[in-house]
PDB file of N, CA and C in Angstrom:
ATOM      1  N   UNK A   1      81.788  22.855  18.218  1.00  0.00           N
ATOM      2  CA  UNK A   1      83.133  22.925  18.755  1.00  0.00           C
ATOM      3  C   UNK A   1      83.409  24.365  19.159  1.00  0.00           C
ATOM      4  N   UNK A   2      84.020  24.521  20.315  1.00  0.00           N
ATOM      5  CA  UNK A   2      84.382  25.866  20.750  1.00  0.00           C
ATOM      6  C   UNK A   2      85.883  26.099  20.513  1.00  0.00           C
ATOM      7  N   UNK A   3      86.325  27.294  20.793  1.00  0.00           N
ATOM      8  CA  UNK A   3      87.715  27.677  20.535  1.00  0.00           C
ATOM      9  C   UNK A   3      88.694  26.790  21.293  1.00  0.00           C
ATOM     10  N   UNK A   4      88.402  26.486  22.547  1.00  0.00           N
ATOM     11  CA  UNK A   4      89.286  25.654  23.361  1.00  0.00           C
ATOM     12  C   UNK A   4      89.440  24.254  22.767  1.00  0.00           C
ATOM     13  N   UNK A   5      88.344  23.664  22.318  1.00  0.00           N
ATOM     14  CA  UNK A   5      88.397  22.339  21.699  1.00  0.00           C
ATOM     15  C   UNK A   5      89.179  22.386  20.390  1.00  0.00           C
ATOM     16  N   UNK A   6      89.000  23.439  19.621  1.00  0.00           N
ATOM     17  CA  UNK A   6      89.739  23.589  18.365  1.00  0.00           C
ATOM     18  C   UNK A   6      91.237  23.705  18.633  1.00  0.00           C
ATOM     19  N   UNK A   7      91.595  24.456  19.649  1.00  0.00           N
ATOM     20  CA  UNK A   7      93.012  24.602  20.003  1.00  0.00           C
ATOM     21  C   UNK A   7      93.589  23.253  20.417  1.00  0.00           C
ATOM     22  N   UNK A   8      92.839  22.472  21.204  1.00  0.00           N
ATOM     23  CA  UNK A   8      93.302  21.133  21.600  1.00  0.00           C
ATOM     24  C   UNK A   8      93.523  20.248  20.379  1.00  0.00           C
ATOM     25  N   UNK A   9      92.582  20.282  19.428  1.00  0.00           N
ATOM     26  CA  UNK A   9      92.694  19.456  18.226  1.00  0.00           C
ATOM     27  C   UNK A   9      93.892  19.889  17.380  1.00  0.00           C
ATOM     28  N   UNK A  10      94.054  21.190  17.198  1.00  0.00           N
ATOM     29  CA  UNK A  10      95.177  21.675  16.404  1.00  0.00           C
ATOM     30  C   UNK A  10      96.506  21.370  17.085  1.00  0.00           C
ATOM     31  N   UNK A  11      96.540  21.495  18.409  1.00  0.00           N
ATOM     32  CA  UNK A  11      97.750  21.158  19.168  1.00  0.00           C
ATOM     33  C   UNK A  11      98.084  19.682  18.992  1.00  0.00           C
ATOM     34  N   UNK A  12      97.058  18.827  19.035  1.00  0.00           N
ATOM     35  CA  UNK A  12      97.292  17.392  18.869  1.00  0.00           C
ATOM     36  C   UNK A  12      97.888  17.082  17.505  1.00  0.00           C
ATOM     37  N   UNK A  13      97.452  17.789  16.487  1.00  0.00           N
ATOM     38  CA  UNK A  13      97.939  17.540  15.132  1.00  0.00           C
ATOM     39  C   UNK A  13      99.261  18.244  14.832  1.00  0.00           C
ATOM     40  N   UNK A  14      99.702  19.106  15.720  1.00  0.00           N
ATOM     41  CA  UNK A  14     100.904  19.899  15.482  1.00  0.00           C
ATOM     42  C   UNK A  14     102.176  19.166  15.921  1.00  0.00           C
ATOM     43  N   UNK A  15     102.137  17.855  15.885  1.00  0.00           N
ATOM     44  CA  UNK A  15     103.297  17.037  16.226  1.00  0.00           C
ATOM     45  C   UNK A  15     103.392  15.952  15.154  1.00  0.00           C
ATOM     46  N   UNK A  16     104.583  15.713  14.654  1.00  0.00           N
ATOM     47  CA  UNK A  16     104.776  14.870  13.475  1.00  0.00           C
ATOM     48  C   UNK A  16     104.178  13.464  13.609  1.00  0.00           C
ATOM     49  N   UNK A  17     104.462  12.776  14.696  1.00  0.00           N
ATOM     50  CA  UNK A  17     103.956  11.409  14.848  1.00  0.00           C
ATOM     51  C   UNK A  17     102.440  11.392  14.930  1.00  0.00           C
ATOM     52  N   UNK A  18     101.861  12.314  15.706  1.00  0.00           N
ATOM     53  CA  UNK A  18     100.401  12.343  15.835  1.00  0.00           C
ATOM     54  C   UNK A  18      99.738  12.675  14.501  1.00  0.00           C
ATOM     55  N   UNK A  19     100.329  13.572  13.745  1.00  0.00           N
ATOM     56  CA  UNK A  19      99.786  13.882  12.420  1.00  0.00           C
ATOM     57  C   UNK A  19      99.862  12.651  11.518  1.00  0.00           C
ATOM     58  N   UNK A  20     100.981  11.929  11.572  1.00  0.00           N
ATOM     59  CA  UNK A  20     101.119  10.700  10.788  1.00  0.00           C
ATOM     60  C   UNK A  20     100.074   9.661  11.194  1.00  0.00           C
ATOM     61  N   UNK A  21      99.844   9.512  12.490  1.00  0.00           N
ATOM     62  CA  UNK A  21      98.842   8.562  12.987  1.00  0.00           C
ATOM     63  C   UNK A  21      97.460   8.948  12.478  1.00  0.00           C
ATOM     64  N   UNK A  22      97.111  10.208  12.621  1.00  0.00           N
ATOM     65  CA  UNK A  22      95.787  10.654  12.206  1.00  0.00           C
ATOM     66  C   UNK A  22      95.578  10.414  10.710  1.00  0.00           C
ATOM     67  N   UNK A  23      96.550  10.782   9.901  1.00  0.00           N
ATOM     68  CA  UNK A  23      96.426  10.598   8.450  1.00  0.00           C
ATOM     69  C   UNK A  23      96.347   9.117   8.090  1.00  0.00           C
ATOM     70  N   UNK A  24      97.110   8.273   8.791  1.00  0.00           N
ATOM     71  CA  UNK A  24      97.056   6.832   8.572  1.00  0.00           C
ATOM     72  C   UNK A  24      95.659   6.293   8.887  1.00  0.00           C
ATOM     73  N   UNK A  25      95.095   6.716  10.012  1.00  0.00           N
ATOM     74  CA  UNK A  25      93.768   6.242  10.391  1.00  0.00           C
ATOM     75  C   UNK A  25      92.687   6.766   9.448  1.00  0.00           C
ATOM     76  N   UNK A  26      92.852   7.961   8.928  1.00  0.00           N
ATOM     77  CA  UNK A  26      91.908   8.478   7.933  1.00  0.00           C
ATOM     78  C   UNK A  26      91.939   7.571   6.698  1.00  0.00           C
ATOM     79  N   UNK A  27      93.140   7.188   6.273  1.00  0.00           N
ATOM     80  CA  UNK A  27      93.262   6.294   5.105  1.00  0.00           C
ATOM     81  C   UNK A  27      92.635   4.931   5.372  1.00  0.00           C
ATOM     82  N   UNK A  28      92.726   4.448   6.605  1.00  0.00           N
ATOM     83  CA  UNK A  28      92.186   3.130   6.945  1.00  0.00           C
ATOM     84  C   UNK A  28      90.665   3.126   7.009  1.00  0.00           C
ATOM     85  N   UNK A  29      90.066   4.289   7.217  1.00  0.00           N
ATOM     86  CA  UNK A  29      88.612   4.395   7.240  1.00  0.00           C
ATOM     87  C   UNK A  29      87.981   3.542   8.325  1.00  0.00           C
ATOM     88  N   UNK A  30      86.878   2.870   7.976  1.00  0.00           N
ATOM     89  CA  UNK A  30      86.098   2.089   8.932  1.00  0.00           C
ATOM     90  C   UNK A  30      86.853   0.882   9.487  1.00  0.00           C
ATOM     91  N   UNK A  31      87.891   0.429   8.811  1.00  0.00           N
ATOM     92  CA  UNK A  31      88.656  -0.727   9.281  1.00  0.00           C
ATOM     93  C   UNK A  31      89.497  -0.383  10.504  1.00  0.00           C
ATOM     94  N   UNK A  32      89.978   0.855  10.581  1.00  0.00           N
ATOM     95  CA  UNK A  32      90.840   1.242  11.683  1.00  0.00           C
ATOM     96  C   UNK A  32      92.096   0.387  11.732  1.00  0.00           C
ATOM     97  N   UNK A  33      92.816   0.507  12.830  1.00  0.00           N
ATOM     98  CA  UNK A  33      94.035  -0.287  13.024  1.00  0.00           C
ATOM     99  C   UNK A  33      94.238  -0.530  14.506  1.00  0.00           C
ATOM    100  N   UNK A  34      94.806  -1.688  14.820  1.00  0.00           N
ATOM    101  CA  UNK A  34      95.179  -1.988  16.195  1.00  0.00           C
ATOM    102  C   UNK A  34      96.375  -1.112  16.583  1.00  0.00           C
ATOM    103  N   UNK A  35      96.453  -0.788  17.861  1.00  0.00           N
ATOM    104  CA  UNK A  35      97.528   0.081  18.340  1.00  0.00           C
ATOM    105  C   UNK A  35      98.900  -0.466  17.963  1.00  0.00           C
ATOM    106  N   UNK A  36      99.104  -1.769  18.122  1.00  0.00           N
ATOM    107  CA  UNK A  36     100.388  -2.379  17.771  1.00  0.00           C
ATOM    108  C   UNK A  36     100.701  -2.274  16.292  1.00  0.00           C
ATOM    109  N   UNK A  37      99.679  -2.391  15.455  1.00  0.00           N
ATOM    110  CA  UNK A  37      99.866  -2.256  14.011  1.00  0.00           C
ATOM    111  C   UNK A  37     100.290  -0.831  13.656  1.00  0.00           C
ATOM    112  N   UNK A  38      99.681   0.135  14.323  1.00  0.00           N
ATOM    113  CA  UNK A  38     100.045   1.543  14.070  1.00  0.00           C
ATOM    114  C   UNK A  38     101.498   1.765  14.445  1.00  0.00           C
ATOM    115  N   UNK A  39     101.896   1.276  15.629  1.00  0.00           N
ATOM    116  CA  UNK A  39     103.286   1.416  16.091  1.00  0.00           C
ATOM    117  C   UNK A  39     104.259   0.809  15.106  1.00  0.00           C
ATOM    118  N   UNK A  40     103.952  -0.411  14.678  1.00  0.00           N
ATOM    119  CA  UNK A  40     104.828  -1.116  13.757  1.00  0.00           C
ATOM    120  C   UNK A  40     104.899  -0.397  12.405  1.00  0.00           C
ATOM    121  N   UNK A  41     103.753  -0.005  11.879  1.00  0.00           N
ATOM    122  CA  UNK A  41     103.706   0.651  10.571  1.00  0.00           C
ATOM    123  C   UNK A  41     104.523   1.939  10.567  1.00  0.00           C
ATOM    124  N   UNK A  42     104.427   2.714  11.658  1.00  0.00           N
ATOM    125  CA  UNK A  42     105.126   4.004  11.707  1.00  0.00           C
ATOM    126  C   UNK A  42     106.511   3.915  12.347  1.00  0.00           C
ATOM    127  N   UNK A  43     106.876   2.731  12.859  1.00  0.00           N
ATOM    128  CA  UNK A  43     108.191   2.563  13.465  1.00  0.00           C
ATOM    129  C   UNK A  43     108.361   3.355  14.746  1.00  0.00           C
ATOM    130  N   UNK A  44     107.308   3.371  15.575  1.00  0.00           N
ATOM    131  CA  UNK A  44     107.322   4.112  16.844  1.00  0.00           C
ATOM    132  C   UNK A  44     107.139   3.118  17.986  1.00  0.00           C
ATOM    133  N   UNK A  45     107.904   3.285  19.071  1.00  0.00           N
ATOM    134  CA  UNK A  45     107.765   2.400  20.227  1.00  0.00           C
ATOM    135  C   UNK A  45     106.333   2.433  20.756  1.00  0.00           C
ATOM    136  N   UNK A  46     105.857   1.285  21.252  1.00  0.00           N
ATOM    137  CA  UNK A  46     104.465   1.179  21.675  1.00  0.00           C
ATOM    138  C   UNK A  46     104.102   2.134  22.805  1.00  0.00           C
ATOM    139  N   UNK A  47     104.997   2.334  23.780  1.00  0.00           N
ATOM    140  CA  UNK A  47     104.655   3.251  24.876  1.00  0.00           C
ATOM    141  C   UNK A  47     104.555   4.694  24.379  1.00  0.00           C
ATOM    142  N   UNK A  48     105.398   5.068  23.427  1.00  0.00           N
ATOM    143  CA  UNK A  48     105.312   6.397  22.822  1.00  0.00           C
ATOM    144  C   UNK A  48     104.026   6.525  22.021  1.00  0.00           C
ATOM    145  N   UNK A  49     103.684   5.456  21.290  1.00  0.00           N
ATOM    146  CA  UNK A  49     102.462   5.476  20.495  1.00  0.00           C
ATOM    147  C   UNK A  49     101.241   5.603  21.391  1.00  0.00           C
ATOM    148  N   UNK A  50     101.235   4.910  22.522  1.00  0.00           N
ATOM    149  CA  UNK A  50     100.106   5.000  23.450  1.00  0.00           C
ATOM    150  C   UNK A  50      99.883   6.432  23.913  1.00  0.00           C
ATOM    151  N   UNK A  51     100.972   7.120  24.223  1.00  0.00           N
ATOM    152  CA  UNK A  51     100.862   8.520  24.655  1.00  0.00           C
ATOM    153  C   UNK A  51     100.303   9.390  23.533  1.00  0.00           C
ATOM    154  N   UNK A  52     100.764   9.165  22.312  1.00  0.00           N
ATOM    155  CA  UNK A  52     100.274   9.950  21.177  1.00  0.00           C
ATOM    156  C   UNK A  52      98.808   9.659  20.879  1.00  0.00           C
ATOM    157  N   UNK A  53      98.404   8.399  20.964  1.00  0.00           N
ATOM    158  CA  UNK A  53      97.005   8.043  20.741  1.00  0.00           C
ATOM    159  C   UNK A  53      96.109   8.657  21.813  1.00  0.00           C
ATOM    160  N   UNK A  54      96.618   8.729  23.042  1.00  0.00           N
ATOM    161  CA  UNK A  54      95.842   9.348  24.129  1.00  0.00           C
ATOM    162  C   UNK A  54      95.611  10.834  23.858  1.00  0.00           C
ATOM    163  N   UNK A  55      96.623  11.530  23.357  1.00  0.00           N
ATOM    164  CA  UNK A  55      96.483  12.950  23.031  1.00  0.00           C
ATOM    165  C   UNK A  55      95.441  13.133  21.928  1.00  0.00           C
ATOM    166  N   UNK A  56      95.530  12.322  20.887  1.00  0.00           N
ATOM    167  CA  UNK A  56      94.563  12.418  19.784  1.00  0.00           C
ATOM    168  C   UNK A  56      93.149  12.079  20.249  1.00  0.00           C
ATOM    169  N   UNK A  57      93.039  11.125  21.134  1.00  0.00           N
ATOM    170  CA  UNK A  57      91.732  10.736  21.658  1.00  0.00           C
ATOM    171  C   UNK A  57      91.114  11.855  22.494  1.00  0.00           C
ATOM    172  N   UNK A  58      91.914  12.444  23.393  1.00  0.00           N
ATOM    173  CA  UNK A  58      91.414  13.553  24.221  1.00  0.00           C
ATOM    174  C   UNK A  58      91.001  14.747  23.359  1.00  0.00           C
ATOM    175  N   UNK A  59      91.655  14.908  22.222  1.00  0.00           N
ATOM    176  CA  UNK A  59      91.342  16.021  21.317  1.00  0.00           C
ATOM    177  C   UNK A  59      90.117  15.723  20.450  1.00  0.00           C
ATOM    178  N   UNK A  60      89.578  14.505  20.543  1.00  0.00           N
ATOM    179  CA  UNK A  60      88.391  14.151  19.775  1.00  0.00           C
ATOM    180  C   UNK A  60      88.672  13.819  18.318  1.00  0.00           C
ATOM    181  N   UNK A  61      89.908  13.438  18.016  1.00  0.00           N
ATOM    182  CA  UNK A  61      90.273  13.145  16.635  1.00  0.00           C
ATOM    183  C   UNK A  61      90.367  11.655  16.336  1.00  0.00           C
ATOM    184  N   UNK A  62      90.490  10.838  17.370  1.00  0.00           N
ATOM    185  CA  UNK A  62      90.454   9.385  17.201  1.00  0.00           C
ATOM    186  C   UNK A  62      89.543   8.794  18.264  1.00  0.00           C
ATOM    187  N   UNK A  63      89.019   7.618  17.946  1.00  0.00           N
ATOM    188  CA  UNK A  63      88.227   6.867  18.907  1.00  0.00           C
ATOM    189  C   UNK A  63      88.769   5.450  18.919  1.00  0.00           C
ATOM    190  N   UNK A  64      88.446   4.713  19.970  1.00  0.00           N
ATOM    191  CA  UNK A  64      88.972   3.359  20.083  1.00  0.00           C
ATOM    192  C   UNK A  64      87.869   2.392  20.487  1.00  0.00           C
ATOM    193  N   UNK A  65      88.098   1.128  20.154  1.00  0.00           N
ATOM    194  CA  UNK A  65      87.214   0.034  20.549  1.00  0.00           C
ATOM    195  C   UNK A  65      88.089  -1.119  20.991  1.00  0.00           C
ATOM    196  N   UNK A  66      87.710  -1.709  22.113  1.00  0.00           N
ATOM    197  CA  UNK A  66      88.444  -2.878  22.605  1.00  0.00           C
ATOM    198  C   UNK A  66      87.926  -4.114  21.891  1.00  0.00           C
ATOM    199  N   UNK A  67      88.858  -4.930  21.396  1.00  0.00           N
ATOM    200  CA  UNK A  67      88.546  -6.207  20.768  1.00  0.00           C
ATOM    201  C   UNK A  67      89.349  -7.273  21.497  1.00  0.00           C
ATOM    202  N   UNK A  68      88.791  -7.777  22.583  1.00  0.00           N
ATOM    203  CA  UNK A  68      89.540  -8.725  23.409  1.00  0.00           C
ATOM    204  C   UNK A  68      90.710  -8.022  24.064  1.00  0.00           C
ATOM    205  N   UNK A  69      91.922  -8.476  23.756  1.00  0.00           N
ATOM    206  CA  UNK A  69      93.119  -7.861  24.345  1.00  0.00           C
ATOM    207  C   UNK A  69      93.686  -6.745  23.482  1.00  0.00           C
ATOM    208  N   UNK A  70      93.060  -6.502  22.351  1.00  0.00           N
ATOM    209  CA  UNK A  70      93.561  -5.512  21.382  1.00  0.00           C
ATOM    210  C   UNK A  70      92.671  -4.278  21.411  1.00  0.00           C
ATOM    211  N   UNK A  71      93.285  -3.113  21.288  1.00  0.00           N
ATOM    212  CA  UNK A  71      92.525  -1.873  21.143  1.00  0.00           C
ATOM    213  C   UNK A  71      92.702  -1.400  19.701  1.00  0.00           C
ATOM    214  N   UNK A  72      91.573  -1.237  19.025  1.00  0.00           N
ATOM    215  CA  UNK A  72      91.573  -0.783  17.629  1.00  0.00           C
ATOM    216  C   UNK A  72      91.221   0.697  17.623  1.00  0.00           C
ATOM    217  N   UNK A  73      91.975   1.460  16.847  1.00  0.00           N
ATOM    218  CA  UNK A  73      91.774   2.905  16.751  1.00  0.00           C
ATOM    219  C   UNK A  73      91.225   3.275  15.381  1.00  0.00           C
ATOM    220  N   UNK A  74      90.417   4.313  15.377  1.00  0.00           N
ATOM    221  CA  UNK A  74      89.770   4.816  14.173  1.00  0.00           C
ATOM    222  C   UNK A  74      89.868   6.337  14.164  1.00  0.00           C
ATOM    223  N   UNK A  75      89.962   6.916  12.986  1.00  0.00           N
ATOM    224  CA  UNK A  75      89.835   8.368  12.887  1.00  0.00           C
ATOM    225  C   UNK A  75      88.407   8.715  13.285  1.00  0.00           C
ATOM    226  N   UNK A  76      88.253   9.751  14.077  1.00  0.00           N
ATOM    227  CA  UNK A  76      86.911  10.210  14.465  1.00  0.00           C
ATOM    228  C   UNK A  76      86.488  11.261  13.448  1.00  0.00           C
ATOM    229  N   UNK A  77      85.758  10.810  12.439  1.00  0.00           N
ATOM    230  CA  UNK A  77      85.384  11.706  11.349  1.00  0.00           C
ATOM    231  C   UNK A  77      84.444  12.816  11.816  1.00  0.00           C
ATOM    232  N   UNK A  78      83.651  12.544  12.825  1.00  0.00           N
ATOM    233  CA  UNK A  78      82.781  13.593  13.380  1.00  0.00           C
ATOM    234  C   UNK A  78      83.636  14.692  14.020  1.00  0.00           C
ATOM    235  N   UNK A  79      84.677  14.302  14.757  1.00  0.00           N
ATOM    236  CA  UNK A  79      85.589  15.274  15.346  1.00  0.00           C
ATOM    237  C   UNK A  79      86.300  16.088  14.285  1.00  0.00           C
ATOM    238  N   UNK A  80      86.713  15.414  13.201  1.00  0.00           N
ATOM    239  CA  UNK A  80      87.377  16.118  12.110  1.00  0.00           C
ATOM    240  C   UNK A  80      86.404  17.090  11.442  1.00  0.00           C
ATOM    241  N   UNK A  81      85.164  16.661  11.213  1.00  0.00           N
ATOM    242  CA  UNK A  81      84.161  17.555  10.614  1.00  0.00           C
ATOM    243  C   UNK A  81      83.920  18.766  11.512  1.00  0.00           C
ATOM    244  N   UNK A  82      83.843  18.526  12.820  1.00  0.00           N
ATOM    245  CA  UNK A  82      83.625  19.640  13.754  1.00  0.00           C
ATOM    246  C   UNK A  82      84.764  20.645  13.702  1.00  0.00           C
ATOM    247  N   UNK A  83      86.000  20.154  13.620  1.00  0.00           N
ATOM    248  CA  UNK A  83      87.154  21.052  13.532  1.00  0.00           C
ATOM    249  C   UNK A  83      87.113  21.848  12.238  1.00  0.00           C
ATOM    250  N   UNK A  84      86.868  21.178  11.124  1.00  0.00           N
ATOM    251  CA  UNK A  84      86.807  21.883   9.839  1.00  0.00           C
ATOM    252  C   UNK A  84      85.665  22.897   9.820  1.00  0.00           C
ATOM    253  N   UNK A  85      84.529  22.516  10.392  1.00  0.00           N
ATOM    254  CA  UNK A  85      83.394  23.448  10.449  1.00  0.00           C
ATOM    255  C   UNK A  85      83.744  24.669  11.283  1.00  0.00           C
ATOM    256  N   UNK A  86      84.423  24.462  12.414  1.00  0.00           N
ATOM    257  CA  UNK A  86      84.832  25.587  13.257  1.00  0.00           C
ATOM    258  C   UNK A  86      85.782  26.509  12.490  1.00  0.00           C
ATOM    259  N   UNK A  87      86.754  25.929  11.798  1.00  0.00           N
ATOM    260  CA  UNK A  87      87.741  26.733  11.080  1.00  0.00           C
ATOM    261  C   UNK A  87      87.125  27.523   9.930  1.00  0.00           C
ATOM    262  N   UNK A  88      86.045  26.992   9.356  1.00  0.00           N
ATOM    263  CA  UNK A  88      85.441  27.637   8.192  1.00  0.00           C
ATOM    264  C   UNK A  88      84.079  28.257   8.504  1.00  0.00           C
ATOM    265  N   UNK A  89      83.794  28.429   9.777  1.00  0.00           N
ATOM    266  CA  UNK A  89      82.478  28.881  10.234  1.00  0.00           C
ATOM    267  C   UNK A  89      81.978  30.134   9.521  1.00  0.00           C
ATOM    268  N   UNK A  90      82.779  31.127   9.412  1.00  0.00           N
ATOM    269  CA  UNK A  90      82.362  32.384   8.795  1.00  0.00           C
ATOM    270  C   UNK A  90      83.103  32.602   7.480  1.00  0.00           C
ATOM    271  N   UNK A  91      83.272  31.525   6.758  1.00  0.00           N
ATOM    272  CA  UNK A  91      84.057  31.539   5.521  1.00  0.00           C
ATOM    273  C   UNK A  91      83.521  32.549   4.509  1.00  0.00           C
ATOM    274  N   UNK A  92      84.413  33.283   3.974  1.00  0.00           N
ATOM    275  CA  UNK A  92      84.169  34.115   2.797  1.00  0.00           C
ATOM    276  C   UNK A  92      83.128  35.204   3.014  1.00  0.00           C
ATOM    277  N   UNK A  93      82.943  35.638   4.229  1.00  0.00           N
ATOM    278  CA  UNK A  93      82.049  36.764   4.505  1.00  0.00           C
ATOM    279  C   UNK A  93      80.644  36.584   3.978  1.00  0.00           C
ATOM    280  N   UNK A  94      80.134  35.369   4.032  1.00  0.00           N
ATOM    281  CA  UNK A  94      78.773  35.131   3.588  1.00  0.00           C
ATOM    282  C   UNK A  94      78.624  34.904   2.098  1.00  0.00           C
ATOM    283  N   UNK A  95      79.737  34.803   1.382  1.00  0.00           N
ATOM    284  CA  UNK A  95      79.696  34.551  -0.057  1.00  0.00           C
ATOM    285  C   UNK A  95      80.147  33.099  -0.299  1.00  0.00           C
ATOM    286  N   UNK A  96      79.213  32.146  -0.293  1.00  0.00           N
ATOM    287  CA  UNK A  96      79.583  30.731  -0.371  1.00  0.00           C
ATOM    288  C   UNK A  96      80.312  30.349  -1.650  1.00  0.00           C
ATOM    289  N   UNK A  97      80.155  31.097  -2.716  1.00  0.00           N
ATOM    290  CA  UNK A  97      80.863  30.774  -3.960  1.00  0.00           C
ATOM    291  C   UNK A  97      82.379  30.848  -3.786  1.00  0.00           C
ATOM    292  N   UNK A  98      82.846  31.724  -2.891  1.00  0.00           N
ATOM    293  CA  UNK A  98      84.279  31.833  -2.644  1.00  0.00           C
ATOM    294  C   UNK A  98      84.815  30.616  -1.897  1.00  0.00           C
ATOM    295  N   UNK A  99      83.969  29.938  -1.119  1.00  0.00           N
ATOM    296  CA  UNK A  99      84.381  28.764  -0.344  1.00  0.00           C
ATOM    297  C   UNK A  99      84.342  27.483  -1.161  1.00  0.00           C
ATOM    298  N   UNK A 100      83.610  27.471  -2.249  1.00  0.00           N
ATOM    299  CA  UNK A 100      83.418  26.247  -3.018  1.00  0.00           C
ATOM    300  C   UNK A 100      84.731  25.573  -3.422  1.00  0.00           C
ATOM    301  N   UNK A 101      85.742  26.276  -3.898  1.00  0.00           N
ATOM    302  CA  UNK A 101      86.992  25.576  -4.260  1.00  0.00           C
ATOM    303  C   UNK A 101      87.642  24.859  -3.067  1.00  0.00           C
ATOM    304  N   UNK A 102      87.574  25.469  -1.911  1.00  0.00           N
ATOM    305  CA  UNK A 102      88.134  24.835  -0.710  1.00  0.00           C
ATOM    306  C   UNK A 102      87.345  23.579  -0.361  1.00  0.00           C
ATOM    307  N   UNK A 103      86.030  23.695  -0.353  1.00  0.00           N
ATOM    308  CA  UNK A 103      85.177  22.553  -0.030  1.00  0.00           C
ATOM    309  C   UNK A 103      85.339  21.435  -1.046  1.00  0.00           C
ATOM    310  N   UNK A 104      85.465  21.781  -2.316  1.00  0.00           N
ATOM    311  CA  UNK A 104      85.687  20.767  -3.349  1.00  0.00           C
ATOM    312  C   UNK A 104      87.007  20.039  -3.133  1.00  0.00           C
ATOM    313  N   UNK A 105      88.021  20.772  -2.707  1.00  0.00           N
ATOM    314  CA  UNK A 105      89.350  20.198  -2.492  1.00  0.00           C
ATOM    315  C   UNK A 105      89.356  19.197  -1.329  1.00  0.00           C
ATOM    316  N   UNK A 106      88.602  19.482  -0.271  1.00  0.00           N
ATOM    317  CA  UNK A 106      88.617  18.597   0.902  1.00  0.00           C
ATOM    318  C   UNK A 106      87.555  17.514   0.849  1.00  0.00           C
ATOM    319  N   UNK A 107      86.665  17.575  -0.129  1.00  0.00           N
ATOM    320  CA  UNK A 107      85.620  16.550  -0.248  1.00  0.00           C
ATOM    321  C   UNK A 107      86.224  15.233  -0.672  1.00  0.00           C
ATOM    322  N   UNK A 108      85.734  14.167  -0.074  1.00  0.00           N
ATOM    323  CA  UNK A 108      86.204  12.815  -0.389  1.00  0.00           C
ATOM    324  C   UNK A 108      85.747  12.427  -1.788  1.00  0.00           C
ATOM    325  N   UNK A 109      86.668  11.929  -2.594  1.00  0.00           N
ATOM    326  CA  UNK A 109      86.339  11.512  -3.957  1.00  0.00           C
ATOM    327  C   UNK A 109      86.082  10.006  -4.034  1.00  0.00           C
ATOM    328  N   UNK A 110      85.865   9.381  -2.877  1.00  0.00           N
ATOM    329  CA  UNK A 110      85.681   7.918  -2.870  1.00  0.00           C
ATOM    330  C   UNK A 110      84.227   7.535  -3.046  1.00  0.00           C
TER     331      UNK A 110
END
């Protein structure tokens, strides 16, 4: 990930609804959610949700799959890993022991 891509991803997450969508999709994991389900769950109009999902998709934070007439969205964990790796690229001046608490905190306990 380069600086421009990181800025796009951070910009996408710097809006309340998009952050809520991303966190919801992270919780859903491999199951993902249909666009209409996301709208209903978060109480956001479908056309507004479509615009927000498009921003997250362009930023590489969500991906979608068509299932007949329904579009299912998923958190793009590879995109999230790339963003986190970019942000922590030169962490702790080459002293990995200083980064361990941060990495432990963000590691999935599932």
